[in-house]
């Protein structure tokens, strides 16, 4: 069985990817550095209970949904809208 921390970390990584966001977007909401956010997502630093509602709201979710995991959020039809990914093309100088 996966730990709650691991579930939150995986769910957030997947949500960030789904919406085309960045770790720094979530870090800004929490008032922490991108480095601190990275440490949390890697499991090297723990989540504060007060942070979960803020992060969940950013994705249009509740804290309960966030801790239930990505699969449960998807099964409930509550995933945020996925942003289309843009591709960058390189041009060569003539």
Protein backbone atom coordinates (compact mmCIF):
# COMPACT_ATOMS: atom_id res chain seq x y z
CA UNK A 1 0.00 0.00 0.00
CA UNK A 2 1.31 3.42 -0.99
CA UNK A 3 1.83 6.02 1.72
CA UNK A 4 -0.31 9.15 1.83
CA UNK A 5 2.76 11.29 1.06
CA UNK A 6 3.57 9.18 -1.99
CA UNK A 7 -0.05 9.39 -3.19
CA UNK A 8 -0.07 13.17 -2.85
CA UNK A 9 3.29 13.50 -4.61
CA UNK A 10 2.27 11.28 -7.53
CA UNK A 11 -1.11 12.96 -7.85
CA UNK A 12 0.42 16.42 -7.92
CA UNK A 13 3.07 15.46 -10.49
CA UNK A 14 0.35 14.06 -12.75
CA UNK A 15 -1.94 17.07 -12.25
CA UNK A 16 0.87 19.52 -12.98
CA UNK A 17 1.67 17.64 -16.18
CA UNK A 18 -2.01 17.42 -17.16
CA UNK A 19 -2.61 21.16 -16.93
CA UNK A 20 0.71 22.04 -18.54
CA UNK A 21 1.88 23.69 -15.35
CA UNK A 22 5.17 23.86 -13.55
CA UNK A 23 6.30 23.07 -10.04
CA UNK A 24 7.02 26.76 -9.60
CA UNK A 25 3.31 27.56 -10.19
CA UNK A 26 2.32 25.44 -7.19
CA UNK A 27 5.29 26.66 -5.16
CA UNK A 28 4.15 30.26 -5.67
CA UNK A 29 0.68 29.44 -4.32
CA UNK A 30 2.30 27.99 -1.19
CA UNK A 31 4.83 30.78 -0.79
CA UNK A 32 7.79 28.43 -1.07
CA UNK A 33 10.66 28.14 -3.51
CA UNK A 34 10.62 25.85 -6.53
CA UNK A 35 13.46 23.94 -4.87
CA UNK A 36 11.33 23.34 -1.76
CA UNK A 37 8.46 22.22 -3.96
CA UNK A 38 10.76 19.79 -5.74
CA UNK A 39 11.90 18.39 -2.39
CA UNK A 40 8.29 17.77 -1.40
CA UNK A 41 7.43 16.05 -4.68
CA UNK A 42 10.49 13.83 -4.33
CA UNK A 43 9.45 12.84 -0.82
CA UNK A 44 12.44 14.50 0.86
CA UNK A 45 10.21 17.00 2.65
CA UNK A 46 6.73 16.48 4.07
CA UNK A 47 3.51 18.26 3.22
CA UNK A 48 1.88 20.56 5.74
CA UNK A 49 -1.80 19.88 6.29
CA UNK A 50 -2.58 23.58 5.75
CA UNK A 51 -1.03 23.43 2.27
CA UNK A 52 -3.32 20.73 0.90
CA UNK A 53 -6.50 22.86 0.52
CA UNK A 54 -4.49 25.59 -1.26
CA UNK A 55 -2.93 23.14 -3.71
CA UNK A 56 -6.21 21.30 -4.28
CA UNK A 57 -8.05 24.57 -4.99
CA UNK A 58 -5.44 25.45 -7.60
CA UNK A 59 -6.57 22.39 -9.55
CA UNK A 60 -10.28 22.90 -8.80
CA UNK A 61 -10.35 20.03 -6.32
CA UNK A 62 -10.94 19.53 -2.62
CA UNK A 63 -8.22 18.41 -0.23
CA UNK A 64 -10.09 15.10 0.16
CA UNK A 65 -10.00 14.54 -3.58
CA UNK A 66 -6.31 15.38 -3.69
CA UNK A 67 -5.40 12.79 -1.09
CA UNK A 68 -7.65 10.17 -2.71
CA UNK A 69 -5.22 9.95 -5.63
CA UNK A 70 -5.19 10.60 -9.34
CA UNK A 71 -7.08 7.43 -10.31
CA UNK A 72 -9.92 8.25 -7.90
CA UNK A 73 -10.10 11.82 -9.22
CA UNK A 74 -10.24 10.49 -12.79
CA UNK A 75 -12.88 7.89 -11.88
CA UNK A 76 -15.05 10.62 -10.37
CA UNK A 77 -14.71 12.69 -13.54
CA UNK A 78 -13.05 15.54 -11.63
CA UNK A 79 -9.74 15.89 -13.48
CA UNK A 80 -8.93 19.45 -14.50
CA UNK A 81 -9.08 20.23 -18.19
CA UNK A 82 -5.93 19.13 -19.95
CA UNK A 83 -4.10 21.84 -21.82
CA UNK A 84 -2.93 21.14 -25.32
CA UNK A 85 0.80 20.84 -25.48
CA UNK A 86 2.62 23.05 -27.87
CA UNK A 87 5.61 21.84 -29.75
CA UNK A 88 8.51 24.00 -30.56
CA UNK A 89 10.26 23.69 -33.85
CA UNK A 90 13.82 24.60 -34.46
CA UNK A 91 14.80 26.49 -37.52
CA UNK A 92 18.20 26.36 -39.04
CA UNK A 93 20.01 29.43 -40.15
CA UNK A 94 20.56 29.47 -43.88
